[in-house]
Amino acid sequence: MQSNATIMKTKLFSVLFLTIVLTSCNEKKIYGELNKDFPEQRWQKSDAKTFEFTIEQEARNYDVNVHFAYLSDFQLNPVPMTVSITHPDGSEENKEINIVVKNAEGKETGECGGDYCDIRETIFKNEALKKGVYKVSIQQNFNGAYLPNVNGIGVEVIAQAD
């Protein structure tokens, strides 16, 4: 029969091990922000969303993704956006992206839980980014005054394995 002290040590070790494993899994994501400021789930045409992140390790490659959160059965497909990136040296670049929310068969392409869906669209894939502060601005390009059924827009930066 095991003593209470042995059982407690085993439980403590298990919790510590699980914490280390879960923390290690998140080490690769160095930045993630989702702006959910969309009154009545409407993204106004004039409302560009801006994010800022810092690259501290120049010797790694990174993925930079746009995170689009929306209500399922989204009517517009694809969703046109302009992503403007200001690099640490002050140079700027614009990327036009089209987020495909439904495939050719009409099925959601995002990860959906009930009525809420998320899609991540890559703007940089396995790219060496210079050290410093980056500013990313995202503007929706829908022809109407606002884009309906939007829950959030964000940016994620993921460091590739060494």
C-alpha atoms as a PDB file:
ATOM      1  CA  MET A   1       0.000   0.000   0.000  1.00  0.00           C
ATOM      2  CA  GLN A   2       1.361   3.415  -0.959  1.00  0.00           C
ATOM      3  CA  SER A   3       1.697   6.150   1.606  1.00  0.00           C
ATOM      4  CA  ASN A   4      -0.091   9.489   1.267  1.00  0.00           C
ATOM      5  CA  ALA A   5       3.280  11.204   0.718  1.00  0.00           C
ATOM      6  CA  THR A   6       4.075   8.903  -2.224  1.00  0.00           C
ATOM      7  CA  ILE A   7       0.656   9.505  -3.764  1.00  0.00           C
ATOM      8  CA  MET A   8       1.059  13.283  -3.350  1.00  0.00           C
ATOM      9  CA  LYS A   9       4.537  13.200  -4.926  1.00  0.00           C
ATOM     10  CA  THR A  10       3.177  11.205  -7.869  1.00  0.00           C
ATOM     11  CA  LYS A  11       0.313  13.660  -8.379  1.00  0.00           C
ATOM     12  CA  LEU A  12       2.648  16.657  -8.095  1.00  0.00           C
ATOM     13  CA  PHE A  13       5.064  15.118 -10.605  1.00  0.00           C
ATOM     14  CA  SER A  14       2.176  14.427 -13.012  1.00  0.00           C
ATOM     15  CA  VAL A  15       0.905  18.005 -12.803  1.00  0.00           C
ATOM     16  CA  LEU A  16       4.428  19.412 -13.244  1.00  0.00           C
ATOM     17  CA  PHE A  17       5.072  17.157 -16.245  1.00  0.00           C
ATOM     18  CA  LEU A  18       1.759  18.119 -17.867  1.00  0.00           C
ATOM     19  CA  THR A  19       2.498  21.828 -17.319  1.00  0.00           C
ATOM     20  CA  ILE A  20       5.910  21.498 -18.996  1.00  0.00           C
ATOM     21  CA  VAL A  21       4.424  19.619 -21.952  1.00  0.00           C
ATOM     22  CA  LEU A  22       1.644  22.169 -22.470  1.00  0.00           C
ATOM     23  CA  THR A  23       4.043  25.100 -22.147  1.00  0.00           C
ATOM     24  CA  SER A  24       6.433  23.540 -24.642  1.00  0.00           C
ATOM     25  CA  CYS A  25       3.625  23.196 -27.187  1.00  0.00           C
ATOM     26  CA  ASN A  26       2.945  26.950 -27.012  1.00  0.00           C
ATOM     27  CA  GLU A  27       6.570  28.080 -27.251  1.00  0.00           C
ATOM     28  CA  LYS A  28       6.364  28.355 -31.020  1.00  0.00           C
ATOM     29  CA  LYS A  29       3.568  30.946 -31.000  1.00  0.00           C
ATOM     30  CA  ILE A  30       5.325  34.208 -30.186  1.00  0.00           C
ATOM     31  CA  TYR A  31       2.383  36.530 -30.822  1.00  0.00           C
ATOM     32  CA  GLY A  32      -1.353  36.150 -31.148  1.00  0.00           C
ATOM     33  CA  GLU A  33      -4.047  38.772 -30.898  1.00  0.00           C
ATOM     34  CA  LEU A  34      -7.675  38.648 -32.004  1.00  0.00           C
ATOM     35  CA  ASN A  35      -9.555  41.942 -32.165  1.00  0.00           C
ATOM     36  CA  LYS A  36     -13.233  41.288 -31.375  1.00  0.00           C
ATOM     37  CA  ASP A  37     -14.385  44.913 -31.508  1.00  0.00           C
ATOM     38  CA  PHE A  38     -17.157  44.519 -34.097  1.00  0.00           C
ATOM     39  CA  PRO A  39     -20.421  46.100 -32.926  1.00  0.00           C
ATOM     40  CA  GLU A  40     -23.360  43.978 -34.155  1.00  0.00           C
ATOM     41  CA  GLN A  41     -20.736  41.694 -35.784  1.00  0.00           C
ATOM     42  CA  ARG A  42     -20.200  44.238 -38.558  1.00  0.00           C
ATOM     43  CA  TRP A  43     -16.740  45.154 -39.817  1.00  0.00           C
ATOM     44  CA  GLN A  44     -17.069  48.677 -41.179  1.00  0.00           C
ATOM     45  CA  LYS A  45     -15.320  49.427 -44.488  1.00  0.00           C
ATOM     46  CA  SER A  46     -13.445  52.363 -42.931  1.00  0.00           C
ATOM     47  CA  ASP A  47     -12.251  50.364 -39.880  1.00  0.00           C
ATOM     48  CA  ALA A  48      -8.768  48.963 -40.527  1.00  0.00           C
ATOM     49  CA  LYS A  49      -7.527  46.798 -37.645  1.00  0.00           C
ATOM     50  CA  THR A  50      -3.885  47.262 -36.632  1.00  0.00           C
ATOM     51  CA  PHE A  51      -1.548  44.916 -34.774  1.00  0.00           C
ATOM     52  CA  GLU A  52       2.060  45.253 -33.640  1.00  0.00           C
ATOM     53  CA  PHE A  53       4.553  42.526 -32.773  1.00  0.00           C
ATOM     54  CA  THR A  54       8.273  42.285 -32.140  1.00  0.00           C
ATOM     55  CA  ILE A  55      10.736  39.795 -33.578  1.00  0.00           C
ATOM     56  CA  GLU A  56      13.562  39.277 -31.114  1.00  0.00           C
ATOM     57  CA  GLN A  57      15.356  36.276 -32.664  1.00  0.00           C
ATOM     58  CA  GLU A  58      16.563  36.976 -36.177  1.00  0.00           C
ATOM     59  CA  ALA A  59      18.081  33.494 -36.633  1.00  0.00           C
ATOM     60  CA  ARG A  60      14.664  31.798 -36.941  1.00  0.00           C
ATOM     61  CA  ASN A  61      12.039  31.610 -39.636  1.00  0.00           C
ATOM     62  CA  TYR A  62       8.437  32.562 -38.968  1.00  0.00           C
ATOM     63  CA  ASP A  63       4.907  32.065 -40.232  1.00  0.00           C
ATOM     64  CA  VAL A  64       2.626  35.090 -39.996  1.00  0.00           C
ATOM     65  CA  ASN A  65      -1.105  34.398 -40.312  1.00  0.00           C
ATOM     66  CA  VAL A  66      -4.293  36.411 -40.481  1.00  0.00           C
ATOM     67  CA  HIS A  67      -6.914  34.919 -38.124  1.00  0.00           C
ATOM     68  CA  PHE A  68     -10.476  35.483 -39.354  1.00  0.00           C
ATOM     69  CA  ALA A  69     -13.338  34.579 -36.968  1.00  0.00           C
ATOM     70  CA  TYR A  70     -16.851  34.538 -38.367  1.00  0.00           C
ATOM     71  CA  LEU A  71     -20.334  33.048 -38.055  1.00  0.00           C
ATOM     72  CA  SER A  72     -20.907  29.828 -39.997  1.00  0.00           C
ATOM     73  CA  ASP A  73     -22.842  29.926 -43.250  1.00  0.00           C
ATOM     74  CA  PHE A  74     -20.990  33.120 -44.201  1.00  0.00           C
ATOM     75  CA  GLN A  75     -22.538  34.547 -47.365  1.00  0.00           C
ATOM     76  CA  LEU A  76     -19.502  36.180 -48.982  1.00  0.00           C
ATOM     77  CA  ASN A  77     -16.883  33.881 -50.502  1.00  0.00           C
ATOM     78  CA  PRO A  78     -14.046  34.616 -50.769  1.00  0.00           C
ATOM     79  CA  VAL A  79     -13.535  37.468 -48.300  1.00  0.00           C
ATOM     80  CA  PRO A  80     -11.199  40.064 -49.873  1.00  0.00           C
ATOM     81  CA  MET A  81      -8.712  41.868 -47.644  1.00  0.00           C
ATOM     82  CA  THR A  82      -5.624  44.037 -47.906  1.00  0.00           C
ATOM     83  CA  VAL A  83      -2.844  43.353 -45.405  1.00  0.00           C
ATOM     84  CA  SER A  84      -0.326  46.189 -45.035  1.00  0.00           C
ATOM     85  CA  ILE A  85       2.955  45.333 -43.316  1.00  0.00           C
ATOM     86  CA  THR A  86       5.419  47.917 -42.040  1.00  0.00           C
ATOM     87  CA  HIS A  87       8.845  46.351 -41.455  1.00  0.00           C
ATOM     88  CA  PRO A  88      11.335  47.466 -38.766  1.00  0.00           C
ATOM     89  CA  ASP A  89      13.356  49.415 -41.374  1.00  0.00           C
ATOM     90  CA  GLY A  90      10.232  51.445 -42.252  1.00  0.00           C
ATOM     91  CA  SER A  91       9.614  49.772 -45.603  1.00  0.00           C
ATOM     92  CA  GLU A  92       6.027  48.828 -46.383  1.00  0.00           C
ATOM     93  CA  GLU A  93       4.357  46.132 -48.432  1.00  0.00           C
ATOM     94  CA  ASN A  94       0.757  45.333 -49.232  1.00  0.00           C
ATOM     95  CA  LYS A  95      -0.653  41.875 -49.798  1.00  0.00           C
ATOM     96  CA  GLU A  96      -4.078  41.216 -51.244  1.00  0.00           C
ATOM     97  CA  ILE A  97      -5.616  38.064 -49.769  1.00  0.00           C
ATOM     98  CA  ASN A  98      -8.890  36.273 -50.363  1.00  0.00           C
ATOM     99  CA  ILE A  99     -10.035  34.137 -47.467  1.00  0.00           C
ATOM    100  CA  VAL A 100     -12.011  31.191 -48.836  1.00  0.00           C
ATOM    101  CA  VAL A 101     -14.718  30.347 -46.295  1.00  0.00           C
ATOM    102  CA  LYS A 102     -16.404  27.610 -48.362  1.00  0.00           C
ATOM    103  CA  ASN A 103     -14.906  25.074 -50.746  1.00  0.00           C
ATOM    104  CA  ALA A 104     -16.285  24.146 -54.184  1.00  0.00           C
ATOM    105  CA  GLU A 105     -18.792  21.768 -52.543  1.00  0.00           C
ATOM    106  CA  GLY A 106     -20.118  24.552 -50.281  1.00  0.00           C
ATOM    107  CA  LYS A 107     -18.550  23.148 -47.091  1.00  0.00           C
ATOM    108  CA  GLU A 108     -16.968  25.429 -44.478  1.00  0.00           C
ATOM    109  CA  THR A 109     -13.175  25.520 -44.801  1.00  0.00           C
ATOM    110  CA  GLY A 110     -12.679  26.947 -41.322  1.00  0.00           C
ATOM    111  CA  GLU A 111     -12.593  25.165 -37.999  1.00  0.00           C
ATOM    112  CA  CYS A 112     -16.151  25.453 -36.717  1.00  0.00           C
ATOM    113  CA  GLY A 113     -17.625  24.826 -33.287  1.00  0.00           C
ATOM    114  CA  GLY A 114     -21.350  25.303 -33.549  1.00  0.00           C
ATOM    115  CA  ASP A 115     -22.001  28.624 -35.289  1.00  0.00           C
ATOM    116  CA  TYR A 116     -18.499  30.007 -34.719  1.00  0.00           C
ATOM    117  CA  CYS A 117     -15.709  29.436 -37.239  1.00  0.00           C
ATOM    118  CA  ASP A 118     -12.020  30.355 -37.504  1.00  0.00           C
ATOM    119  CA  ILE A 119      -9.715  30.437 -40.521  1.00  0.00           C
ATOM    120  CA  ARG A 120      -6.036  31.248 -40.624  1.00  0.00           C
ATOM    121  CA  GLU A 121      -4.611  32.609 -43.873  1.00  0.00           C
ATOM    122  CA  THR A 122      -0.833  32.718 -44.254  1.00  0.00           C
ATOM    123  CA  ILE A 123       0.785  36.007 -45.258  1.00  0.00           C
ATOM    124  CA  PHE A 124       4.383  34.860 -44.617  1.00  0.00           C
ATOM    125  CA  LYS A 125       5.369  31.175 -44.657  1.00  0.00           C
ATOM    126  CA  ASN A 126       8.667  29.994 -43.139  1.00  0.00           C
ATOM    127  CA  GLU A 127      10.247  33.376 -43.787  1.00  0.00           C
ATOM    128  CA  ALA A 128      13.298  34.944 -42.160  1.00  0.00           C
ATOM    129  CA  LEU A 129      12.129  38.162 -40.520  1.00  0.00           C
ATOM    130  CA  LYS A 130      14.519  40.859 -39.370  1.00  0.00           C
ATOM    131  CA  LYS A 131      14.711  41.748 -35.701  1.00  0.00           C
ATOM    132  CA  GLY A 132      12.468  44.617 -34.657  1.00  0.00           C
ATOM    133  CA  VAL A 133       8.894  45.876 -34.498  1.00  0.00           C
ATOM    134  CA  TYR A 134       6.381  45.016 -37.220  1.00  0.00           C
ATOM    135  CA  LYS A 135       3.047  46.718 -37.740  1.00  0.00           C
ATOM    136  CA  VAL A 136       0.252  44.880 -39.579  1.00  0.00           C
ATOM    137  CA  SER A 137      -2.933  46.615 -40.680  1.00  0.00           C
ATOM    138  CA  ILE A 138      -5.860  44.638 -42.094  1.00  0.00           C
ATOM    139  CA  GLN A 139      -8.614  46.229 -44.183  1.00  0.00           C
ATOM    140  CA  GLN A 140     -11.632  44.357 -45.544  1.00  0.00           C
ATOM    141  CA  ASN A 141     -12.427  45.063 -49.195  1.00  0.00           C
ATOM    142  CA  PHE A 142     -16.097  44.062 -49.383  1.00  0.00           C
ATOM    143  CA  ASN A 143     -18.078  46.340 -51.732  1.00  0.00           C
ATOM    144  CA  GLY A 144     -20.695  47.241 -49.097  1.00  0.00           C
ATOM    145  CA  ALA A 145     -20.480  49.687 -46.186  1.00  0.00           C
ATOM    146  CA  TYR A 146     -19.673  46.818 -43.821  1.00  0.00           C
ATOM    147  CA  LEU A 147     -18.830  43.105 -43.805  1.00  0.00           C
ATOM    148  CA  PRO A 148     -21.511  41.236 -41.800  1.00  0.00           C
ATOM    149  CA  ASN A 149     -21.186  38.284 -39.381  1.00  0.00           C
ATOM    150  CA  VAL A 150     -17.594  38.969 -38.305  1.00  0.00           C
ATOM    151  CA  ASN A 151     -16.533  37.867 -34.815  1.00  0.00           C
ATOM    152  CA  GLY A 152     -12.876  38.875 -34.992  1.00  0.00           C
ATOM    153  CA  ILE A 153      -9.748  39.545 -37.012  1.00  0.00           C
ATOM    154  CA  GLY A 154      -6.240  39.000 -35.777  1.00  0.00           C
ATOM    155  CA  VAL A 155      -2.610  38.167 -36.381  1.00  0.00           C
ATOM    156  CA  GLU A 156      -0.565  35.178 -35.239  1.00  0.00           C
ATOM    157  CA  VAL A 157       3.208  34.827 -35.446  1.00  0.00           C
ATOM    158  CA  ILE A 158       4.682  31.347 -35.143  1.00  0.00           C
ATOM    159  CA  ALA A 159       8.391  30.639 -34.841  1.00  0.00           C
ATOM    160  CA  GLN A 160       9.585  27.633 -36.819  1.00  0.00           C
ATOM    161  CA  ALA A 161      11.569  24.925 -35.047  1.00  0.00           C
ATOM    162  CA  ASP A 162      15.292  25.544 -34.686  1.00  0.00           C
END
